[in-house]
Amino acid sequence: MLPRLDIVIVNWNAGPLLTDCLSSLPMVQQGAVTIDRVVLVDNASVDGSAEQAAAAIEGRLPLDVLHNGTNRGFAAACN
């Protein structure tokens, strides 16, 4: 039985780095782990990075995107 993961990623205007991060996750599933859920918490980004990244990996990961109205910081976004 493979280990199962839930992943939380906090974003604030990360641009293409966020897309690269999310795009790398399906490769991890190839025999190593099972990804049950990816939660992307966007801390009031203005660069469209959360939307672009979600569109780039649509259907390849179990992704939930949460949008904070303000940048609450890393710890608050994780909780």
C-alpha atoms as a PDB file:
ATOM      1  CA  MET A   1       0.000   0.000   0.000  1.00  0.00           C
ATOM      2  CA  LEU A   2       1.359   3.409  -1.003  1.00  0.00           C
ATOM      3  CA  PRO A   3       1.629   6.317   1.445  1.00  0.00           C
ATOM      4  CA  ARG A   4      -1.197   8.851   1.050  1.00  0.00           C
ATOM      5  CA  LEU A   5      -0.626  12.616   1.066  1.00  0.00           C
ATOM      6  CA  ASP A   6      -2.646  15.779   1.513  1.00  0.00           C
ATOM      7  CA  ILE A   7      -0.663  18.837   0.419  1.00  0.00           C
ATOM      8  CA  VAL A   8      -1.180  22.501   1.363  1.00  0.00           C
ATOM      9  CA  ILE A   9       0.496  25.170  -0.763  1.00  0.00           C
ATOM     10  CA  VAL A  10       0.358  28.853   0.168  1.00  0.00           C
ATOM     11  CA  ASN A  11       0.676  31.302  -2.714  1.00  0.00           C
ATOM     12  CA  TRP A  12       1.227  35.027  -2.939  1.00  0.00           C
ATOM     13  CA  ASN A  13       2.059  36.328  -6.417  1.00  0.00           C
ATOM     14  CA  ALA A  14       4.336  33.368  -7.207  1.00  0.00           C
ATOM     15  CA  GLY A  15       3.721  33.576 -10.952  1.00  0.00           C
ATOM     16  CA  PRO A  16       5.103  30.696 -13.034  1.00  0.00           C
ATOM     17  CA  LEU A  17       6.836  29.164  -9.989  1.00  0.00           C
ATOM     18  CA  LEU A  18       3.443  28.088  -8.675  1.00  0.00           C
ATOM     19  CA  THR A  19       2.554  26.452 -11.995  1.00  0.00           C
ATOM     20  CA  ASP A  20       5.912  24.636 -11.981  1.00  0.00           C
ATOM     21  CA  CYS A  21       5.306  23.437  -8.422  1.00  0.00           C
ATOM     22  CA  LEU A  22       1.825  22.084  -9.115  1.00  0.00           C
ATOM     23  CA  SER A  23       2.864  20.593 -12.452  1.00  0.00           C
ATOM     24  CA  SER A  24       5.587  18.563 -10.736  1.00  0.00           C
ATOM     25  CA  LEU A  25       3.177  16.814  -8.353  1.00  0.00           C
ATOM     26  CA  PRO A  26       1.625  14.254 -10.755  1.00  0.00           C
ATOM     27  CA  MET A  27       5.117  12.816 -11.324  1.00  0.00           C
ATOM     28  CA  VAL A  28       5.375  12.040  -7.595  1.00  0.00           C
ATOM     29  CA  GLN A  29       2.352   9.765  -7.843  1.00  0.00           C
ATOM     30  CA  GLN A  30       4.072   7.402 -10.271  1.00  0.00           C
ATOM     31  CA  GLY A  31       4.509   4.533  -7.850  1.00  0.00           C
ATOM     32  CA  ALA A  32       5.787   6.507  -4.866  1.00  0.00           C
ATOM     33  CA  VAL A  33       2.713   7.985  -3.142  1.00  0.00           C
ATOM     34  CA  THR A  34      -0.958   8.659  -3.652  1.00  0.00           C
ATOM     35  CA  ILE A  35      -1.982  12.308  -3.492  1.00  0.00           C
ATOM     36  CA  ASP A  36      -5.476  12.502  -1.989  1.00  0.00           C
ATOM     37  CA  ARG A  37      -5.872  16.274  -1.978  1.00  0.00           C
ATOM     38  CA  VAL A  38      -3.968  19.435  -2.852  1.00  0.00           C
ATOM     39  CA  VAL A  39      -5.153  22.645  -1.229  1.00  0.00           C
ATOM     40  CA  LEU A  40      -3.892  25.857  -2.785  1.00  0.00           C
ATOM     41  CA  VAL A  41      -4.425  28.856  -0.508  1.00  0.00           C
ATOM     42  CA  ASP A  42      -4.037  32.107  -2.399  1.00  0.00           C
ATOM     43  CA  ASN A  43      -3.185  35.044  -0.127  1.00  0.00           C
ATOM     44  CA  ALA A  44      -4.803  37.852  -2.152  1.00  0.00           C
ATOM     45  CA  SER A  45      -2.476  37.559  -5.157  1.00  0.00           C
ATOM     46  CA  VAL A  46      -2.925  40.122  -7.913  1.00  0.00           C
ATOM     47  CA  ASP A  47      -0.876  38.371 -10.602  1.00  0.00           C
ATOM     48  CA  GLY A  48      -3.422  35.669 -11.508  1.00  0.00           C
ATOM     49  CA  SER A  49      -0.978  32.936 -10.510  1.00  0.00           C
ATOM     50  CA  ALA A  50      -3.554  30.789  -8.686  1.00  0.00           C
ATOM     51  CA  GLU A  51      -5.929  30.756 -11.655  1.00  0.00           C
ATOM     52  CA  GLN A  52      -3.147  30.097 -14.165  1.00  0.00           C
ATOM     53  CA  ALA A  53      -1.709  27.242 -12.115  1.00  0.00           C
ATOM     54  CA  ALA A  54      -5.121  25.648 -11.538  1.00  0.00           C
ATOM     55  CA  ALA A  55      -5.867  25.777 -15.268  1.00  0.00           C
ATOM     56  CA  ALA A  56      -2.474  24.239 -16.100  1.00  0.00           C
ATOM     57  CA  ILE A  57      -3.085  21.132 -13.983  1.00  0.00           C
ATOM     58  CA  GLU A  58      -6.849  20.817 -14.381  1.00  0.00           C
ATOM     59  CA  GLY A  59      -7.954  17.206 -14.114  1.00  0.00           C
ATOM     60  CA  ARG A  60      -4.489  15.917 -13.174  1.00  0.00           C
ATOM     61  CA  LEU A  61      -4.707  16.548  -9.419  1.00  0.00           C
ATOM     62  CA  PRO A  62      -7.476  16.667  -6.798  1.00  0.00           C
ATOM     63  CA  LEU A  63      -7.097  20.446  -6.356  1.00  0.00           C
ATOM     64  CA  ASP A  64      -9.074  22.806  -4.112  1.00  0.00           C
ATOM     65  CA  VAL A  65      -8.314  26.527  -4.436  1.00  0.00           C
ATOM     66  CA  LEU A  66      -9.101  28.843  -1.533  1.00  0.00           C
ATOM     67  CA  HIS A  67      -8.858  32.615  -1.975  1.00  0.00           C
ATOM     68  CA  ASN A  68      -8.090  34.854   0.998  1.00  0.00           C
ATOM     69  CA  GLY A  69      -9.289  38.440   0.623  1.00  0.00           C
ATOM     70  CA  THR A  70      -6.112  39.718   2.256  1.00  0.00           C
ATOM     71  CA  ASN A  71      -2.585  38.407   2.658  1.00  0.00           C
ATOM     72  CA  ARG A  72      -2.876  36.850   6.089  1.00  0.00           C
ATOM     73  CA  GLY A  73       0.630  35.371   6.081  1.00  0.00           C
ATOM     74  CA  PHE A  74       1.900  31.838   5.795  1.00  0.00           C
ATOM     75  CA  ALA A  75       0.829  30.432   9.165  1.00  0.00           C
ATOM     76  CA  ALA A  76      -2.742  31.772   8.993  1.00  0.00           C
ATOM     77  CA  ALA A  77      -3.114  30.515   5.431  1.00  0.00           C
ATOM     78  CA  CYS A  78      -2.006  27.019   6.471  1.00  0.00           C
ATOM     79  CA  ASN A  79      -4.606  26.932   9.209  1.00  0.00           C
END
